[in-house]
Amino acid sequence: MPQKKKKKAVLSKSTFIKGLQCPKALYLYKNRYFLRDPVSPEQRAKFNRGTIVGVYARDLFPGGVDASPKTHFQMAQSVEKTAALIEEGQTDVIYEAAFSFEDVVVALDILYRENGQWKGMEVKSSRKISDTYRWDAALQYYVISGSGLELKDFSIAYINKDYVRQGDINIHNLFITESLLSHVKKLKHETGEKISQLKEVAALKKSPDIPIGTQCHSPYPCEFIGHCWKKIPRDSVLKLQGIPGEQKFEWHHQGLQSAGQVYDQLENPADFQKQMESIEKGETVADKGLLTQFMTENPGREKIYQSAYFAPVVPLFDQTSPYQHLPFAVFSTPVEHFNPQAHLVKPGMFPAKEITGQLAQINQEADTIWVFDASYEKSILEFLRQFVPDQSELIQNFISKLKDMGQAFEKGYVIKPSFIQPDTPEKILQHLGQEPQELPPKIIIPQQADALYQKLWRLEEVEEKHEGVNGLTTYVVNRGENLFRLFKLLKTLSV
């Protein structure tokens, strides 16, 4: 007898959340997937971090059975495996338990049984519960209860930001568990209605007519911005910075699509004069007087400095907390010519004393220390100071010399037309038409460097570890060179 073909689910957790943010994004994902923007390295890093935390949280309920499918396209098998495990009663804990109801499929991080009653837990890598997570929980509860399994409780486990490691990791203190049972029960009817609405959207013959708006970036950057924003004019009002997004979209939808058209409606139009000029010309505009003053007001020996950090979710050292940023490498070069000095802390070592030694040398050789994002560098140094109190004066002196070249952009000395302000030297160089030094293929953002450095702690294979160290060293030096190139570009723009 031929096997009946399994019906493919219409919605999942991710597509449900996508549809709540923008129904048009859901339609395009289901029907015009090829229009999707490439997944950014930053987004991939977030996915990987969530996966790691989810696996680690299994220690809250150890010894369970993993019901994960081999691939995302085999969720039906996972649903069947979960049902069999529940029916057989051979285990009290199931990881990635899958359920299907009304053409919606979900996978729960941890399904566990206490006193003969099943409870559900979803694990998040964040340090608080967002509205998106609440809707995520509401969908899971709706599908699980609808499939026939009554849950005694449904909770979310998230990272305890106040946890401080003392000796061995206390897994139950690392996570905060919060019950959302009453919340998801109240949302049950509304969740069913939203599911029906979104399934109708997915089945439409053409894309719903939904204009661009703040939903394009909130709560997550939409993966169809490249498609939906392709007809935005070069001098769009949406490029104006320092104005609430709601106001800019209101002007845009009123037909005031050019930045110049709203000049008279601005509260302080003179403050936006340079921005207007930059947007209308489609090129960078520099206030040479202010920029020259900014670049030359600190005489003396100048160096460029940059740190590279790692921020483990699970603290690796005593007295540290989840996501605590620690430097694993520092870079410096004189501003006159590129002469890189980079130091990478050996994986497995606490960096405080080793990094402080590097700071002492740089501090001795410079009167002004140029960085990008001084507040961030300062926060890392301030934390480091807690572990080397005998070097407190050195670190304070080092901090007092920091000068942030990013302020040239924040204060409007250099203005560039942009929808979103670039936030790294590499992105700024590209935006200004410059070619940044290429970074290693698999280490192009700080999060990837962070993940690799943490991986090196666990590696025992010498050749692979050596390759990783070389890759990170190249990353640190090349990022430092991009900061050097940005400094030189600012100097050029100031004359």
Protein backbone atom coordinates (compact mmCIF):
# COMPACT_ATOMS: atom_id res chain seq x y z
CA MET A 1 0.00 0.00 0.00
CA PRO A 2 1.56 3.36 -1.01
CA GLN A 3 2.55 5.64 1.86
CA LYS A 4 0.48 8.77 2.19
CA LYS A 5 2.50 11.89 1.44
CA LYS A 6 2.94 14.11 4.50
CA LYS A 7 1.43 17.57 4.23
CA LYS A 8 3.97 20.37 4.41
CA ALA A 9 3.51 22.87 7.24
CA VAL A 10 2.47 26.40 6.24
CA LEU A 11 3.90 28.17 9.28
CA SER A 12 6.72 27.65 11.75
CA LYS A 13 7.95 29.73 14.68
CA SER A 14 10.21 31.83 12.47
CA THR A 15 7.63 32.46 9.73
CA PHE A 16 4.94 33.27 12.31
CA ILE A 17 7.18 35.92 13.91
CA LYS A 18 8.14 37.16 10.44
CA GLY A 19 4.46 37.57 9.58
CA LEU A 20 3.72 39.46 12.78
CA GLN A 21 6.45 41.94 11.92
CA CYS A 22 5.30 42.35 8.32
CA PRO A 23 2.80 40.17 6.41
CA LYS A 24 4.48 41.15 3.15
CA ALA A 25 7.77 39.67 4.40
CA LEU A 26 5.96 36.40 5.13
CA TYR A 27 4.41 36.34 1.65
CA LEU A 28 7.75 37.01 -0.03
CA TYR A 29 9.48 34.37 2.09
CA LYS A 30 6.90 31.74 1.15
CA ASN A 31 6.43 32.70 -2.49
CA ARG A 32 9.39 34.82 -3.69
CA TYR A 33 12.24 33.44 -1.62
CA PHE A 34 14.76 34.29 -4.35
CA LEU A 35 14.25 38.02 -3.58
CA ARG A 36 15.70 37.57 -0.11
CA ASP A 37 18.81 39.56 0.87
CA PRO A 38 21.90 37.50 1.79
CA VAL A 39 22.03 36.61 5.48
CA SER A 40 24.51 38.96 7.14
CA PRO A 41 27.46 37.63 9.16
CA GLU A 42 25.99 39.40 12.19
CA GLN A 43 22.71 37.50 11.83
CA ARG A 44 24.51 34.18 11.39
CA ALA A 45 26.49 34.88 14.55
CA LYS A 46 23.23 35.45 16.48
CA PHE A 47 21.82 32.15 15.20
CA ASN A 48 24.96 30.29 16.25
CA ARG A 49 24.95 31.91 19.68
CA GLY A 50 21.33 30.89 20.24
CA THR A 51 22.10 27.31 19.27
CA ILE A 52 25.04 27.12 21.67
CA VAL A 53 23.01 28.50 24.58
CA GLY A 54 20.12 26.13 23.83
CA VAL A 55 22.42 23.12 24.01
CA TYR A 56 24.10 24.35 27.17
CA ALA A 57 20.72 24.84 28.88
CA ARG A 58 20.03 21.13 28.54
CA ASP A 59 22.05 20.72 31.73
CA LEU A 60 19.00 22.18 33.49
CA PHE A 61 17.36 18.84 32.67
CA PRO A 62 20.14 16.40 31.82
CA GLY A 63 19.84 12.94 30.34
CA GLY A 64 17.08 13.66 27.83
CA VAL A 65 16.49 12.32 24.32
CA ASP A 66 17.15 14.57 21.32
CA ALA A 67 14.27 14.58 18.84
CA SER A 68 15.97 16.98 16.41
CA PRO A 69 15.55 16.19 12.70
CA LYS A 70 18.63 15.64 10.55
CA THR A 71 17.63 18.62 8.42
CA HIS A 72 15.05 21.39 8.64
CA PHE A 73 13.10 19.64 5.86
CA GLN A 74 12.47 16.56 8.02
CA MET A 75 10.36 18.14 10.75
CA ALA A 76 7.56 15.64 10.10
CA GLN A 77 9.85 12.82 11.25
CA SER A 78 10.70 14.83 14.35
CA VAL A 79 7.00 15.25 15.12
CA GLU A 80 6.52 11.48 14.83
CA LYS A 81 9.56 10.76 17.00
CA THR A 82 8.34 13.15 19.69
CA ALA A 83 4.88 11.55 19.73
CA ALA A 84 6.44 8.09 20.04
CA LEU A 85 8.70 9.16 22.91
CA ILE A 86 5.75 10.63 24.81
CA GLU A 87 3.59 7.55 24.20
CA GLU A 88 6.31 5.07 25.16
CA GLY A 89 7.06 6.91 28.40
CA GLN A 90 10.68 5.81 28.43
CA THR A 91 12.06 9.30 29.11
CA ASP A 92 11.06 12.31 31.17
CA VAL A 93 13.03 14.83 29.08
CA ILE A 94 12.92 15.48 25.33
CA TYR A 95 15.08 18.07 23.59
CA GLU A 96 13.75 19.79 20.45
CA ALA A 97 10.35 18.15 20.88
CA ALA A 98 8.34 18.83 17.70
CA PHE A 99 4.57 19.28 17.35
CA SER A 100 2.20 20.02 14.50
CA PHE A 101 -1.32 21.47 14.54
CA GLU A 102 -3.39 23.35 11.95
CA ASP A 103 -0.51 23.29 9.42
CA VAL A 104 1.87 24.89 11.94
CA VAL A 105 4.98 23.09 13.19
CA VAL A 106 7.06 24.08 16.21
CA ALA A 107 10.07 22.66 18.02
CA LEU A 108 10.36 23.18 21.77
CA ASP A 109 13.83 23.43 23.31
CA ILE A 110 13.03 21.30 26.37
CA LEU A 111 9.95 19.19 27.14
CA TYR A 112 10.13 17.62 30.58
CA ARG A 113 7.87 15.65 32.91
CA GLU A 114 7.54 16.32 36.63
CA ASN A 115 5.22 14.35 38.88
CA GLY A 116 3.63 12.77 35.84
CA GLN A 117 2.82 16.10 34.17
CA TRP A 118 4.51 17.56 31.09
CA LYS A 119 5.99 21.06 31.10
CA GLY A 120 7.61 23.10 28.33
CA MET A 121 10.65 25.36 28.36
CA GLU A 122 12.02 27.59 25.63
CA VAL A 123 15.61 28.83 25.99
CA LYS A 124 16.78 32.29 24.90
CA SER A 125 20.31 33.66 24.72
CA SER A 126 19.20 37.18 25.63
CA ARG A 127 19.16 38.79 29.07
CA LYS A 128 15.46 39.68 29.09
CA ILE A 129 12.14 38.53 27.66
CA SER A 130 10.91 40.57 24.70
CA ASP A 131 7.41 40.84 23.21
CA THR A 132 8.64 38.71 20.31
CA TYR A 133 9.59 35.93 22.73
CA ARG A 134 6.13 36.13 24.32
CA TRP A 135 4.47 35.64 20.94
CA ASP A 136 6.92 32.83 20.22
CA ALA A 137 5.79 31.16 23.47
CA ALA A 138 2.11 31.77 22.69
CA LEU A 139 2.46 30.04 19.31
CA GLN A 140 4.23 27.04 20.80
CA TYR A 141 1.66 26.63 23.54
CA TYR A 142 -1.18 26.91 21.01
CA VAL A 143 0.29 24.22 18.77
CA ILE A 144 1.38 21.86 21.56
CA SER A 145 -1.95 22.01 23.40
CA GLY A 146 -3.81 21.82 20.09
CA SER A 147 -1.92 18.67 19.17
CA GLY A 148 -3.29 16.98 22.28
CA LEU A 149 -0.59 17.41 24.92
CA GLU A 150 -1.72 19.47 27.89
CA LEU A 151 1.15 21.35 29.51
CA LYS A 152 1.16 21.98 33.25
CA ASP A 153 3.51 24.92 32.72
CA PHE A 154 5.32 26.82 29.97
CA SER A 155 8.37 28.88 30.79
CA ILE A 156 11.24 30.75 29.20
CA ALA A 157 14.81 30.39 30.44
CA TYR A 158 17.06 33.36 29.70
CA ILE A 159 20.50 34.53 30.77
CA ASN A 160 20.87 36.02 34.25
CA LYS A 161 22.85 39.21 33.60
CA ASP A 162 23.69 39.53 37.31
CA TYR A 163 25.24 36.10 37.61
CA VAL A 164 28.90 36.21 38.70
CA ARG A 165 30.97 33.08 38.42
CA GLN A 166 32.47 31.75 41.64
CA GLY A 167 34.18 28.42 41.06
CA ASP A 168 32.24 25.89 38.96
CA ILE A 169 29.33 27.14 36.88
CA ASN A 170 25.99 26.98 38.66
CA ILE A 171 23.70 26.27 35.74
CA HIS A 172 20.56 27.05 37.73
CA ASN A 173 21.89 30.49 38.66
CA LEU A 174 23.19 31.20 35.15
CA PHE A 175 19.62 31.05 33.81
CA ILE A 176 16.48 32.80 35.02
CA THR A 177 13.32 30.80 34.46
CA GLU A 178 10.03 32.67 34.14
CA SER A 179 6.63 31.04 33.70
CA LEU A 180 4.47 32.46 30.91
CA LEU A 181 1.61 30.00 31.32
CA SER A 182 -1.06 32.54 32.27
CA HIS A 183 0.14 34.86 29.49
CA VAL A 184 0.05 32.25 26.71
CA LYS A 185 -3.35 31.00 27.85
CA LYS A 186 -4.77 34.53 27.59
CA LEU A 187 -3.33 34.83 24.08
CA LYS A 188 -4.60 31.46 22.89
CA HIS A 189 -7.64 32.76 20.99
CA GLU A 190 -5.75 35.70 19.50
CA THR A 191 -2.91 33.38 18.48
CA GLY A 192 -5.38 31.19 16.58
CA GLU A 193 -6.74 34.24 14.77
CA LYS A 194 -3.26 35.42 13.79
CA ILE A 195 -2.40 31.97 12.49
CA SER A 196 -5.49 32.01 10.25
CA GLN A 197 -4.67 35.49 8.98
CA LEU A 198 -1.05 34.64 8.21
CA LYS A 199 -1.96 31.42 6.40
CA GLU A 200 -4.26 33.49 4.20
CA VAL A 201 -1.36 35.86 3.49
CA ALA A 202 0.90 32.96 2.53
CA ALA A 203 -1.76 31.70 0.09
CA LEU A 204 -2.29 35.03 -1.71
CA LYS A 205 -1.81 35.17 -5.48
CA LYS A 206 0.24 38.36 -5.28
CA SER A 207 2.20 40.31 -2.72
CA PRO A 208 0.10 42.34 -0.24
CA ASP A 209 0.34 46.10 -0.70
CA ILE A 210 2.18 47.10 2.47
CA PRO A 211 4.33 50.24 2.29
CA ILE A 212 7.79 50.38 3.81
CA GLY A 213 7.95 51.67 7.38
CA THR A 214 9.53 51.25 10.78
CA GLN A 215 8.62 47.56 10.65
CA CYS A 216 11.42 47.12 8.11
CA HIS A 217 13.94 47.30 10.94
CA SER A 218 12.00 46.41 14.08
CA PRO A 219 12.16 44.12 15.92
CA TYR A 220 14.60 42.60 13.38
CA PRO A 221 16.14 43.84 10.12
CA CYS A 222 13.91 42.48 7.34
CA GLU A 223 15.57 40.22 4.80
CA PHE A 224 13.61 41.77 1.92
CA ILE A 225 14.71 45.40 2.36
CA GLY A 226 16.74 45.20 -0.84
CA HIS A 227 13.56 44.33 -2.76
CA CYS A 228 11.08 46.63 -1.04
CA TRP A 229 13.38 49.66 -0.96
CA LYS A 230 14.74 49.42 -4.50
CA LYS A 231 12.72 52.39 -5.80
CA ILE A 232 13.70 54.77 -3.01
CA PRO A 233 15.17 57.93 -4.63
CA ARG A 234 18.86 58.76 -4.20
CA ASP A 235 18.05 61.95 -2.26
CA SER A 236 15.36 60.32 -0.10
CA VAL A 237 14.11 61.99 3.06
CA LEU A 238 14.69 58.62 4.73
CA LYS A 239 18.43 59.29 4.64
CA LEU A 240 18.14 62.13 7.14
CA GLN A 241 19.74 61.27 10.49
CA GLY A 242 18.60 62.70 13.82
CA ILE A 243 14.88 62.58 12.99
CA PRO A 244 12.50 59.89 14.35
CA GLY A 245 11.77 57.15 11.85
CA GLU A 246 8.01 57.58 12.21
CA GLN A 247 8.30 61.22 11.08
CA LYS A 248 10.48 60.39 8.08
CA PHE A 249 8.12 57.67 6.88
CA GLU A 250 5.15 60.00 7.36
CA TRP A 251 6.80 62.55 5.06
CA HIS A 252 7.76 59.82 2.60
CA HIS A 253 4.21 58.50 2.34
CA GLN A 254 2.85 62.05 2.00
CA GLY A 255 4.88 62.35 -1.18
CA LEU A 256 7.73 64.40 0.32
CA GLN A 257 10.27 61.87 -0.81
CA SER A 258 13.22 64.20 -1.38
CA ALA A 259 15.15 65.43 1.67
CA GLY A 260 15.11 68.97 0.30
CA GLN A 261 11.30 69.01 0.32
CA VAL A 262 11.12 68.90 4.13
CA TYR A 263 13.72 71.58 4.85
CA ASP A 264 11.12 74.16 5.88
CA GLN A 265 9.40 71.66 8.17
CA LEU A 266 12.48 71.02 10.26
CA GLU A 267 12.56 72.57 13.73
CA ASN A 268 16.18 73.68 13.35
CA PRO A 269 16.89 73.53 9.60
CA ALA A 270 20.37 75.04 9.95
CA ASP A 271 21.43 71.93 11.91
CA PHE A 272 20.65 69.82 8.84
CA GLN A 273 22.24 72.06 6.20
CA LYS A 274 25.35 69.91 5.68
CA GLN A 275 23.29 66.72 5.71
CA MET A 276 20.98 68.14 3.06
CA GLU A 277 23.95 69.08 0.92
CA SER A 278 25.45 65.61 1.26
CA ILE A 279 22.18 63.85 0.37
CA GLU A 280 21.38 66.13 -2.58
CA LYS A 281 24.89 65.77 -4.04
CA GLY A 282 25.09 62.09 -3.20
CA GLU A 283 28.60 62.54 -1.86
CA THR A 284 30.56 63.08 1.33
CA VAL A 285 30.67 66.63 2.70
CA ALA A 286 33.32 67.71 5.21
CA ASP A 287 33.39 70.81 7.37
CA LYS A 288 37.11 71.40 6.83
CA GLY A 289 37.45 74.00 9.57
CA LEU A 290 35.93 71.90 12.34
CA LEU A 291 37.52 68.70 11.06
CA THR A 292 40.99 70.28 10.94
CA GLN A 293 40.58 71.55 14.49
CA PHE A 294 39.38 68.12 15.63
CA MET A 295 42.32 66.32 14.02
CA THR A 296 45.02 68.70 15.28
CA GLU A 297 43.87 69.91 18.72
CA ASN A 298 45.88 67.24 20.57
CA PRO A 299 49.58 67.85 19.86
CA GLY A 300 52.25 65.36 20.83
CA ARG A 301 53.01 61.77 19.98
CA GLU A 302 49.98 60.02 18.45
CA LYS A 303 49.16 56.34 18.13
CA ILE A 304 46.23 54.37 16.81
CA TYR A 305 44.87 51.69 19.13
CA GLN A 306 42.25 48.97 18.87
CA SER A 307 41.31 45.96 20.98
CA ALA A 308 39.64 42.70 19.99
CA TYR A 309 37.30 41.12 22.50
CA PHE A 310 35.57 37.92 23.43
CA ALA A 311 32.33 37.82 25.42
CA PRO A 312 31.41 34.26 26.47
CA VAL A 313 27.78 33.65 27.40
CA VAL A 314 28.99 31.21 30.04
CA PRO A 315 31.69 33.03 32.06
CA LEU A 316 35.12 31.46 31.76
CA PHE A 317 36.73 33.17 34.77
CA ASP A 318 35.82 33.82 38.38
CA GLN A 319 34.35 37.28 39.05
CA THR A 320 33.11 37.60 35.47
CA SER A 321 29.50 37.62 34.21
CA PRO A 322 27.65 36.42 31.08
CA TYR A 323 28.64 38.39 27.97
CA GLN A 324 31.38 40.17 29.89
CA HIS A 325 33.66 41.73 27.27
CA LEU A 326 37.32 40.86 27.73
CA PRO A 327 40.15 41.83 25.37
CA PHE A 328 42.04 38.93 23.81
CA ALA A 329 44.25 41.08 21.59
CA VAL A 330 45.47 44.66 21.19
CA PHE A 331 46.80 46.53 18.19
CA SER A 332 48.71 49.79 17.86
CA THR A 333 50.62 51.75 15.24
CA PRO A 334 52.07 55.27 15.04
CA VAL A 335 50.00 57.64 12.92
CA GLU A 336 52.97 58.67 10.75
CA HIS A 337 53.29 55.31 9.02
CA PHE A 338 51.78 51.86 9.34
CA ASN A 339 54.01 49.93 11.72
CA PRO A 340 51.71 47.39 13.37
CA GLN A 341 52.23 46.00 16.84
CA ALA A 342 49.69 43.30 17.61
CA HIS A 343 49.56 40.99 20.59
CA LEU A 344 47.24 37.99 20.99
CA VAL A 345 46.68 36.50 24.45
CA LYS A 346 47.26 32.76 24.50
CA PRO A 347 43.86 30.97 24.58
CA GLY A 348 43.10 29.73 28.07
CA MET A 349 44.78 32.58 29.91
CA PHE A 350 43.02 35.36 31.76
CA PRO A 351 44.05 38.47 29.80
CA ALA A 352 44.28 41.11 32.55
CA LYS A 353 48.01 41.17 33.31
CA GLU A 354 49.15 40.39 29.77
CA ILE A 355 46.99 43.09 28.20
CA THR A 356 47.99 45.58 30.89
CA GLY A 357 51.64 45.05 29.95
CA GLN A 358 50.83 46.00 26.36
CA LEU A 359 48.91 49.08 27.54
CA ALA A 360 51.93 50.21 29.56
CA GLN A 361 54.13 50.20 26.45
CA ILE A 362 51.60 52.06 24.30
CA ASN A 363 50.95 54.57 27.09
CA GLN A 364 54.65 55.29 27.34
CA GLU A 365 54.96 55.94 23.59
CA ALA A 366 51.88 58.14 23.04
CA ASP A 367 50.32 61.38 24.26
CA THR A 368 47.16 60.91 22.18
CA ILE A 369 45.65 57.48 21.50
CA TRP A 370 43.22 57.41 18.57
CA VAL A 371 40.44 54.80 18.72
CA PHE A 372 37.06 54.13 17.15
CA ASP A 373 34.26 54.14 19.76
CA ALA A 374 36.12 55.43 22.80
CA SER A 375 33.23 54.72 25.19
CA TYR A 376 33.43 51.04 24.30
CA GLU A 377 37.20 50.83 24.68
CA LYS A 378 36.90 52.67 27.99
CA SER A 379 34.29 50.22 29.31
CA ILE A 380 36.59 47.27 28.61
CA LEU A 381 39.54 48.99 30.27
CA GLU A 382 37.47 49.94 33.31
CA PHE A 383 36.43 46.32 33.80
CA LEU A 384 40.01 45.15 33.33
CA ARG A 385 41.14 47.53 36.06
CA GLN A 386 39.17 45.55 38.67
CA PHE A 387 41.57 42.63 38.22
CA VAL A 388 44.82 44.60 38.30
CA PRO A 389 44.28 47.20 41.04
CA ASP A 390 48.01 47.85 41.20
CA GLN A 391 47.79 49.13 37.59
CA SER A 392 44.79 51.38 38.20
CA GLU A 393 46.75 54.60 37.68
CA LEU A 394 48.22 53.32 34.40
CA ILE A 395 44.81 52.37 33.03
CA GLN A 396 43.27 55.67 34.09
CA ASN A 397 46.11 57.54 32.38
CA PHE A 398 45.63 55.44 29.24
CA ILE A 399 41.88 56.18 29.24
CA SER A 400 42.52 59.92 29.57
CA LYS A 401 44.51 59.85 26.32
CA LEU A 402 41.78 58.20 24.22
CA LYS A 403 40.39 60.22 21.34
CA ASP A 404 37.49 58.90 19.28
CA MET A 405 37.78 59.43 15.53
CA GLY A 406 34.18 58.25 15.27
CA GLN A 407 33.16 61.64 16.69
CA ALA A 408 34.12 63.22 13.38
CA PHE A 409 30.97 61.56 12.03
CA GLU A 410 28.80 61.80 15.14
CA LYS A 411 29.36 65.56 15.43
CA GLY A 412 28.86 66.19 11.73
CA TYR A 413 32.40 67.17 10.79
CA VAL A 414 32.10 64.55 8.05
CA ILE A 415 28.66 63.76 6.64
CA LYS A 416 27.80 60.98 4.24
CA PRO A 417 24.43 60.18 2.65
CA SER A 418 23.14 56.95 4.15
CA PHE A 419 19.97 55.16 5.23
CA ILE A 420 21.78 53.63 8.19
CA GLN A 421 24.97 55.02 9.67
CA PRO A 422 27.89 52.60 9.13
CA ASP A 423 29.22 51.53 12.52
CA THR A 424 32.68 50.14 11.81
CA PRO A 425 35.82 51.55 10.15
CA GLU A 426 35.42 48.93 7.38
CA LYS A 427 31.85 49.98 6.57
CA ILE A 428 32.71 53.68 6.73
CA LEU A 429 35.65 53.23 4.34
CA GLN A 430 33.43 51.36 1.88
CA HIS A 431 30.70 53.96 2.21
CA LEU A 432 33.21 56.71 1.46
CA GLY A 433 34.41 54.92 -1.64
CA GLN A 434 37.61 53.57 -0.09
CA GLU A 435 38.86 50.00 -0.25
CA PRO A 436 39.37 48.51 3.23
CA GLN A 437 42.03 45.92 3.90
CA GLU A 438 40.41 42.54 3.37
CA LEU A 439 39.69 40.50 6.48
CA PRO A 440 40.03 36.70 6.67
CA PRO A 441 37.03 35.06 4.91
CA LYS A 442 35.57 33.49 8.05
CA ILE A 443 36.57 36.28 10.45
CA ILE A 444 35.07 39.50 9.15
CA ILE A 445 33.10 40.71 12.19
CA PRO A 446 33.94 40.85 15.91
CA GLN A 447 31.40 38.14 16.74
CA GLN A 448 33.18 35.66 14.45
CA ALA A 449 36.55 36.51 16.01
CA ASP A 450 34.97 36.05 19.42
CA ALA A 451 33.58 32.62 18.50
CA LEU A 452 36.89 31.44 17.03
CA TYR A 453 38.91 32.58 20.03
CA GLN A 454 36.57 30.71 22.38
CA LYS A 455 36.80 27.65 20.11
CA LEU A 456 40.60 27.72 20.43
CA TRP A 457 40.19 27.11 24.15
CA ARG A 458 38.68 23.70 23.44
CA LEU A 459 40.87 22.64 20.51
CA GLU A 460 43.56 20.04 21.10
CA GLU A 461 44.63 19.52 17.47
CA VAL A 462 47.87 21.54 17.21
CA GLU A 463 47.72 22.36 13.49
CA GLU A 464 44.11 23.55 13.63
CA LYS A 465 44.87 25.64 16.72
CA HIS A 466 47.91 27.18 15.01
CA GLU A 467 45.79 28.00 11.96
CA GLY A 468 43.18 29.66 14.17
CA VAL A 469 45.77 31.80 15.97
CA ASN A 470 47.23 32.93 12.63
CA GLY A 471 43.76 33.80 11.35
CA LEU A 472 42.97 35.87 14.42
CA THR A 473 46.32 37.64 14.25
CA THR A 474 45.63 38.56 10.61
CA TYR A 475 42.17 39.76 11.62
CA VAL A 476 43.57 41.99 14.37
CA VAL A 477 46.30 43.49 12.15
CA ASN A 478 44.01 44.06 9.16
CA ARG A 479 41.31 45.67 11.29
CA GLY A 480 44.01 47.88 12.74
CA GLU A 481 45.13 48.84 9.25
CA ASN A 482 41.55 49.82 8.38
CA LEU A 483 41.49 52.09 11.39
CA PHE A 484 44.80 53.55 10.21
CA ARG A 485 43.32 54.08 6.72
CA LEU A 486 40.30 55.81 8.21
CA PHE A 487 42.56 58.14 10.18
CA LYS A 488 44.50 59.00 7.03
CA LEU A 489 41.25 59.63 5.15
CA LEU A 490 40.07 62.05 7.85
CA LYS A 491 43.39 63.86 7.59
CA THR A 492 42.96 64.14 3.81
CA LEU A 493 39.39 65.43 4.13
CA SER A 494 40.51 68.10 6.60
CA VAL A 495 42.85 69.85 4.13
